[in-house]
Amino acid sequence: MSAFYPGLAKTAKQLFKQFGKKITIKRVVVGEYNPTTGVPQTETLFTPYGQVFAYRNSEIDGFNILTGDRRVVIAELGLGYVPNPTTDMVVIDGEDHTIVSSKRAVHEEVVLELQVRR
């Protein structure tokens, strides 16, 4: 990693903390049946700082990006993992959104961009 990126990652995290909000990422792992909860799964919540954006009309192609999709940008520093579309969801305004795709917007451990769909 270039010497430039750790400082950029810290700055991104500080800006998201100051101007963004906590984004809840829910990881659901199916396991053995739990008789206490009655559910055969466990949930782990991660709450990095970030921001939620709507896609511009010019970005919506009806195939890869649909009307209603959202762009979630989070500070990756300290997150410790890249959200997995098969096991993770993003909670926006109390509603679960599936992760369609994820990509690093700048560089590893700086900013992560998620495309989510309700």
N, C-alpha and C. Protein backbone atom coordinates (compact mmCIF):
# COMPACT_ATOMS: atom_id res chain seq x y z
N MET A 1 0.84 -1.17 0.00
CA MET A 1 0.00 0.00 0.00
C MET A 1 0.89 1.23 0.00
N SER A 2 0.57 2.17 -0.82
CA SER A 2 1.30 3.42 -0.90
C SER A 2 1.23 4.15 0.44
N ALA A 3 2.25 4.93 0.74
CA ALA A 3 2.28 5.70 1.98
C ALA A 3 1.16 6.73 2.04
N PHE A 4 0.60 7.07 0.90
CA PHE A 4 -0.47 8.07 0.80
C PHE A 4 -1.80 7.55 1.34
N TYR A 5 -2.10 6.26 1.15
CA TYR A 5 -3.42 5.72 1.43
C TYR A 5 -3.80 5.63 2.91
N PRO A 6 -2.90 5.31 3.85
CA PRO A 6 -3.32 5.28 5.25
C PRO A 6 -3.85 6.64 5.74
N GLY A 7 -3.20 7.72 5.33
CA GLY A 7 -3.68 9.05 5.70
C GLY A 7 -5.02 9.36 5.07
N LEU A 8 -5.18 8.94 3.81
CA LEU A 8 -6.45 9.14 3.10
C LEU A 8 -7.57 8.35 3.78
N ALA A 9 -7.27 7.14 4.21
CA ALA A 9 -8.27 6.31 4.90
C ALA A 9 -8.71 6.95 6.20
N LYS A 10 -7.78 7.50 6.97
CA LYS A 10 -8.13 8.18 8.22
C LYS A 10 -8.98 9.41 7.96
N THR A 11 -8.63 10.16 6.93
CA THR A 11 -9.41 11.36 6.58
C THR A 11 -10.82 10.97 6.15
N ALA A 12 -10.95 9.93 5.34
CA ALA A 12 -12.28 9.47 4.89
C ALA A 12 -13.13 9.07 6.09
N LYS A 13 -12.55 8.33 7.01
CA LYS A 13 -13.29 7.89 8.19
C LYS A 13 -13.73 9.09 9.03
N GLN A 14 -12.85 10.07 9.22
CA GLN A 14 -13.20 11.26 9.99
C GLN A 14 -14.31 12.05 9.31
N LEU A 15 -14.25 12.21 7.99
CA LEU A 15 -15.28 12.95 7.27
C LEU A 15 -16.63 12.24 7.33
N PHE A 16 -16.64 10.92 7.17
CA PHE A 16 -17.89 10.17 7.27
C PHE A 16 -18.45 10.25 8.69
N LYS A 17 -17.57 10.22 9.68
CA LYS A 17 -18.03 10.32 11.07
C LYS A 17 -18.63 11.69 11.34
N GLN A 18 -18.03 12.73 10.78
CA GLN A 18 -18.50 14.09 11.01
C GLN A 18 -19.75 14.43 10.19
N PHE A 19 -19.78 14.03 8.92
CA PHE A 19 -20.86 14.45 8.02
C PHE A 19 -21.81 13.32 7.60
N GLY A 20 -21.44 12.09 7.86
CA GLY A 20 -22.28 10.96 7.46
C GLY A 20 -23.10 10.46 8.63
N LYS A 21 -23.38 9.18 8.60
CA LYS A 21 -24.14 8.55 9.67
C LYS A 21 -23.69 7.11 9.80
N LYS A 22 -24.08 6.47 10.91
CA LYS A 22 -23.76 5.06 11.06
C LYS A 22 -24.63 4.25 10.11
N ILE A 23 -23.99 3.38 9.39
CA ILE A 23 -24.66 2.48 8.46
C ILE A 23 -24.65 1.09 9.10
N THR A 24 -25.79 0.45 9.16
CA THR A 24 -25.86 -0.88 9.76
C THR A 24 -25.75 -1.94 8.67
N ILE A 25 -24.76 -2.80 8.82
CA ILE A 25 -24.60 -3.95 7.93
C ILE A 25 -24.89 -5.18 8.77
N LYS A 26 -25.84 -5.97 8.30
CA LYS A 26 -26.28 -7.15 9.04
C LYS A 26 -25.78 -8.40 8.32
N ARG A 27 -25.01 -9.19 9.04
CA ARG A 27 -24.53 -10.47 8.50
C ARG A 27 -25.38 -11.58 9.11
N VAL A 28 -26.05 -12.35 8.25
CA VAL A 28 -26.89 -13.44 8.70
C VAL A 28 -26.21 -14.75 8.31
N VAL A 29 -25.95 -15.58 9.30
CA VAL A 29 -25.29 -16.86 9.05
C VAL A 29 -26.23 -17.97 9.49
N VAL A 30 -26.56 -18.84 8.56
CA VAL A 30 -27.42 -19.97 8.86
C VAL A 30 -26.59 -21.05 9.53
N GLY A 31 -27.11 -21.56 10.63
CA GLY A 31 -26.39 -22.59 11.38
C GLY A 31 -27.35 -23.63 11.90
N GLU A 32 -27.01 -24.16 13.06
CA GLU A 32 -27.87 -25.16 13.68
C GLU A 32 -29.09 -24.49 14.29
N TYR A 33 -30.15 -25.25 14.44
CA TYR A 33 -31.39 -24.75 15.02
C TYR A 33 -31.14 -24.34 16.46
N ASN A 34 -31.59 -23.14 16.83
CA ASN A 34 -31.46 -22.64 18.19
C ASN A 34 -32.82 -22.73 18.86
N PRO A 35 -33.00 -23.64 19.84
CA PRO A 35 -34.31 -23.81 20.46
C PRO A 35 -34.75 -22.59 21.28
N THR A 36 -33.81 -21.78 21.73
CA THR A 36 -34.16 -20.58 22.50
C THR A 36 -34.81 -19.53 21.62
N THR A 37 -34.21 -19.28 20.46
CA THR A 37 -34.75 -18.25 19.56
C THR A 37 -35.72 -18.83 18.55
N GLY A 38 -35.66 -20.15 18.33
CA GLY A 38 -36.51 -20.78 17.34
C GLY A 38 -36.07 -20.55 15.92
N VAL A 39 -34.86 -20.01 15.76
CA VAL A 39 -34.36 -19.64 14.44
C VAL A 39 -33.00 -20.31 14.21
N PRO A 40 -32.81 -20.91 13.02
CA PRO A 40 -31.52 -21.55 12.74
C PRO A 40 -30.50 -20.60 12.12
N GLN A 41 -30.35 -19.41 12.70
CA GLN A 41 -29.40 -18.45 12.14
C GLN A 41 -28.92 -17.49 13.24
N THR A 42 -27.80 -16.88 12.97
CA THR A 42 -27.29 -15.85 13.88
C THR A 42 -27.08 -14.57 13.09
N GLU A 43 -27.26 -13.45 13.75
CA GLU A 43 -27.04 -12.15 13.12
C GLU A 43 -25.92 -11.42 13.83
N THR A 44 -25.05 -10.81 13.05
CA THR A 44 -23.99 -9.97 13.57
C THR A 44 -24.15 -8.61 12.90
N LEU A 45 -24.11 -7.56 13.70
CA LEU A 45 -24.27 -6.21 13.17
C LEU A 45 -22.93 -5.48 13.16
N PHE A 46 -22.66 -4.78 12.06
CA PHE A 46 -21.49 -3.92 11.92
C PHE A 46 -22.02 -2.52 11.65
N THR A 47 -21.40 -1.51 12.25
CA THR A 47 -21.91 -0.15 12.08
C THR A 47 -20.81 0.84 11.71
N PRO A 48 -20.29 0.74 10.49
CA PRO A 48 -19.30 1.73 10.04
C PRO A 48 -20.00 3.05 9.72
N TYR A 49 -19.23 4.09 9.61
CA TYR A 49 -19.78 5.39 9.19
C TYR A 49 -19.79 5.47 7.67
N GLY A 50 -20.80 6.12 7.14
CA GLY A 50 -20.90 6.26 5.69
C GLY A 50 -22.02 7.19 5.30
N GLN A 51 -22.45 7.05 4.06
CA GLN A 51 -23.51 7.88 3.51
C GLN A 51 -24.29 7.08 2.48
N VAL A 52 -25.59 7.38 2.37
CA VAL A 52 -26.46 6.70 1.40
C VAL A 52 -26.84 7.72 0.32
N PHE A 53 -26.72 7.31 -0.93
CA PHE A 53 -27.05 8.18 -2.06
C PHE A 53 -28.00 7.46 -3.01
N ALA A 54 -28.85 8.21 -3.68
CA ALA A 54 -29.66 7.67 -4.77
C ALA A 54 -28.80 7.72 -6.03
N TYR A 55 -29.05 6.80 -6.95
CA TYR A 55 -28.37 6.85 -8.24
C TYR A 55 -29.02 7.95 -9.09
N ARG A 56 -28.20 8.61 -9.89
CA ARG A 56 -28.73 9.59 -10.84
C ARG A 56 -29.49 8.86 -11.93
N ASN A 57 -30.48 9.54 -12.51
CA ASN A 57 -31.26 8.93 -13.59
C ASN A 57 -30.37 8.45 -14.73
N SER A 58 -29.30 9.18 -15.01
CA SER A 58 -28.39 8.80 -16.10
C SER A 58 -27.63 7.50 -15.80
N GLU A 59 -27.56 7.09 -14.52
CA GLU A 59 -26.86 5.86 -14.14
C GLU A 59 -27.78 4.64 -14.17
N ILE A 60 -29.08 4.86 -14.12
CA ILE A 60 -30.04 3.76 -14.08
C ILE A 60 -30.22 3.20 -15.49
N ASP A 61 -29.80 1.93 -15.66
CA ASP A 61 -29.88 1.33 -16.99
C ASP A 61 -30.98 0.27 -17.10
N GLY A 62 -31.68 -0.01 -16.00
CA GLY A 62 -32.74 -1.00 -16.02
C GLY A 62 -32.25 -2.43 -15.99
N PHE A 63 -30.95 -2.63 -15.97
CA PHE A 63 -30.38 -3.98 -15.94
C PHE A 63 -29.45 -4.14 -14.74
N ASN A 64 -28.34 -3.40 -14.77
CA ASN A 64 -27.39 -3.46 -13.65
C ASN A 64 -27.85 -2.59 -12.49
N ILE A 65 -28.35 -1.42 -12.79
CA ILE A 65 -28.85 -0.49 -11.77
C ILE A 65 -30.32 -0.23 -12.07
N LEU A 66 -31.16 -0.53 -11.06
CA LEU A 66 -32.60 -0.39 -11.22
C LEU A 66 -33.09 0.84 -10.46
N THR A 67 -34.26 1.33 -10.85
CA THR A 67 -34.88 2.42 -10.11
C THR A 67 -35.08 1.96 -8.67
N GLY A 68 -34.70 2.78 -7.73
CA GLY A 68 -34.82 2.43 -6.31
C GLY A 68 -33.54 1.91 -5.70
N ASP A 69 -32.56 1.50 -6.52
CA ASP A 69 -31.27 1.08 -5.98
C ASP A 69 -30.62 2.26 -5.29
N ARG A 70 -29.80 1.97 -4.29
CA ARG A 70 -29.08 3.01 -3.57
C ARG A 70 -27.60 2.72 -3.61
N ARG A 71 -26.81 3.78 -3.52
CA ARG A 71 -25.35 3.68 -3.41
C ARG A 71 -25.01 3.97 -1.95
N VAL A 72 -24.34 3.04 -1.31
CA VAL A 72 -23.91 3.22 0.08
C VAL A 72 -22.39 3.28 0.07
N VAL A 73 -21.85 4.37 0.55
CA VAL A 73 -20.40 4.55 0.58
C VAL A 73 -19.99 4.57 2.05
N ILE A 74 -19.05 3.70 2.42
CA ILE A 74 -18.62 3.60 3.80
C ILE A 74 -17.10 3.70 3.89
N ALA A 75 -16.65 4.16 5.06
CA ALA A 75 -15.22 4.18 5.35
C ALA A 75 -14.82 2.75 5.69
N GLU A 76 -13.87 2.23 4.96
CA GLU A 76 -13.48 0.83 5.14
C GLU A 76 -12.48 0.64 6.28
N LEU A 77 -11.77 1.69 6.66
CA LEU A 77 -10.76 1.58 7.71
C LEU A 77 -11.39 1.10 9.00
N GLY A 78 -10.89 0.00 9.52
CA GLY A 78 -11.39 -0.54 10.77
C GLY A 78 -12.57 -1.48 10.60
N LEU A 79 -13.13 -1.59 9.41
CA LEU A 79 -14.27 -2.48 9.18
C LEU A 79 -13.83 -3.93 9.31
N GLY A 80 -12.68 -4.25 8.76
CA GLY A 80 -12.12 -5.58 8.93
C GLY A 80 -12.58 -6.63 7.93
N TYR A 81 -13.51 -6.29 7.06
CA TYR A 81 -13.95 -7.25 6.05
C TYR A 81 -14.71 -6.50 4.96
N VAL A 82 -14.91 -7.18 3.84
CA VAL A 82 -15.72 -6.62 2.75
C VAL A 82 -17.08 -7.31 2.83
N PRO A 83 -18.17 -6.55 2.92
CA PRO A 83 -19.50 -7.17 3.00
C PRO A 83 -19.74 -8.14 1.85
N ASN A 84 -20.39 -9.25 2.17
CA ASN A 84 -20.63 -10.33 1.23
C ASN A 84 -22.08 -10.28 0.76
N PRO A 85 -22.34 -10.15 -0.54
CA PRO A 85 -23.71 -10.09 -1.04
C PRO A 85 -24.56 -11.32 -0.71
N THR A 86 -23.95 -12.48 -0.47
CA THR A 86 -24.74 -13.68 -0.20
C THR A 86 -25.16 -13.80 1.25
N THR A 87 -24.47 -13.15 2.17
CA THR A 87 -24.79 -13.29 3.60
C THR A 87 -25.12 -11.98 4.30
N ASP A 88 -24.87 -10.85 3.67
CA ASP A 88 -25.01 -9.56 4.36
C ASP A 88 -26.10 -8.71 3.74
N MET A 89 -26.67 -7.84 4.58
CA MET A 89 -27.66 -6.87 4.14
C MET A 89 -27.32 -5.53 4.76
N VAL A 90 -27.79 -4.47 4.13
CA VAL A 90 -27.63 -3.13 4.68
C VAL A 90 -29.01 -2.66 5.14
N VAL A 91 -29.07 -2.13 6.36
CA VAL A 91 -30.33 -1.64 6.90
C VAL A 91 -30.38 -0.14 6.68
N ILE A 92 -31.37 0.32 5.91
CA ILE A 92 -31.56 1.75 5.64
C ILE A 92 -32.96 2.12 6.11
N ASP A 93 -33.03 3.07 7.02
CA ASP A 93 -34.32 3.52 7.57
C ASP A 93 -35.17 2.35 8.06
N GLY A 94 -34.53 1.39 8.71
CA GLY A 94 -35.23 0.25 9.29
C GLY A 94 -35.60 -0.86 8.33
N GLU A 95 -35.25 -0.72 7.05
CA GLU A 95 -35.59 -1.74 6.06
C GLU A 95 -34.33 -2.43 5.54
N ASP A 96 -34.41 -3.75 5.40
CA ASP A 96 -33.27 -4.53 4.89
C ASP A 96 -33.14 -4.34 3.38
N HIS A 97 -31.92 -4.13 2.94
CA HIS A 97 -31.59 -4.02 1.52
C HIS A 97 -30.51 -5.06 1.20
N THR A 98 -30.70 -5.81 0.12
CA THR A 98 -29.68 -6.78 -0.27
C THR A 98 -28.53 -6.05 -0.96
N ILE A 99 -27.36 -6.61 -0.84
CA ILE A 99 -26.19 -6.05 -1.49
C ILE A 99 -26.10 -6.66 -2.88
N VAL A 100 -26.15 -5.82 -3.89
CA VAL A 100 -26.05 -6.28 -5.28
C VAL A 100 -24.59 -6.40 -5.68
N SER A 101 -23.80 -5.41 -5.31
CA SER A 101 -22.37 -5.43 -5.64
C SER A 101 -21.60 -4.58 -4.65
N SER A 102 -20.32 -4.83 -4.58
CA SER A 102 -19.44 -4.02 -3.75
C SER A 102 -18.13 -3.81 -4.50
N LYS A 103 -17.58 -2.62 -4.31
CA LYS A 103 -16.28 -2.34 -4.94
C LYS A 103 -15.56 -1.29 -4.12
N ARG A 104 -14.27 -1.34 -4.22
CA ARG A 104 -13.46 -0.33 -3.55
C ARG A 104 -13.44 0.90 -4.45
N ALA A 105 -13.92 2.00 -3.92
CA ALA A 105 -14.04 3.22 -4.73
C ALA A 105 -12.70 3.91 -4.93
N VAL A 106 -11.79 3.75 -4.01
CA VAL A 106 -10.49 4.41 -4.13
C VAL A 106 -9.38 3.37 -4.10
N HIS A 107 -9.18 2.77 -2.96
CA HIS A 107 -8.09 1.81 -2.76
C HIS A 107 -8.46 0.96 -1.55
N GLU A 108 -7.81 -0.17 -1.41
CA GLU A 108 -8.05 -1.04 -0.27
C GLU A 108 -7.97 -0.27 1.04
N GLU A 109 -8.94 -0.49 1.91
CA GLU A 109 -9.02 0.10 3.24
C GLU A 109 -9.24 1.61 3.24
N VAL A 110 -9.79 2.17 2.17
CA VAL A 110 -10.10 3.60 2.16
C VAL A 110 -11.61 3.77 2.14
N VAL A 111 -12.24 3.57 0.99
CA VAL A 111 -13.67 3.75 0.84
C VAL A 111 -14.25 2.57 0.08
N LEU A 112 -15.37 2.06 0.57
CA LEU A 112 -16.04 0.94 -0.05
C LEU A 112 -17.41 1.40 -0.53
N GLU A 113 -17.75 1.07 -1.76
CA GLU A 113 -19.04 1.46 -2.34
C GLU A 113 -19.89 0.20 -2.53
N LEU A 114 -21.11 0.24 -1.99
CA LEU A 114 -22.05 -0.87 -2.12
C LEU A 114 -23.25 -0.42 -2.93
N GLN A 115 -23.70 -1.28 -3.81
CA GLN A 115 -24.97 -1.06 -4.51
C GLN A 115 -25.97 -1.94 -3.78
N VAL A 116 -27.07 -1.34 -3.28
CA VAL A 116 -28.05 -2.11 -2.52
C VAL A 116 -29.43 -1.96 -3.14
N ARG A 117 -30.27 -2.97 -2.88
CA ARG A 117 -31.61 -2.99 -3.49
C ARG A 117 -32.60 -3.52 -2.45
N ARG A 118 -33.77 -2.92 -2.42
CA ARG A 118 -34.80 -3.35 -1.48
C ARG A 118 -35.66 -4.41 -2.08
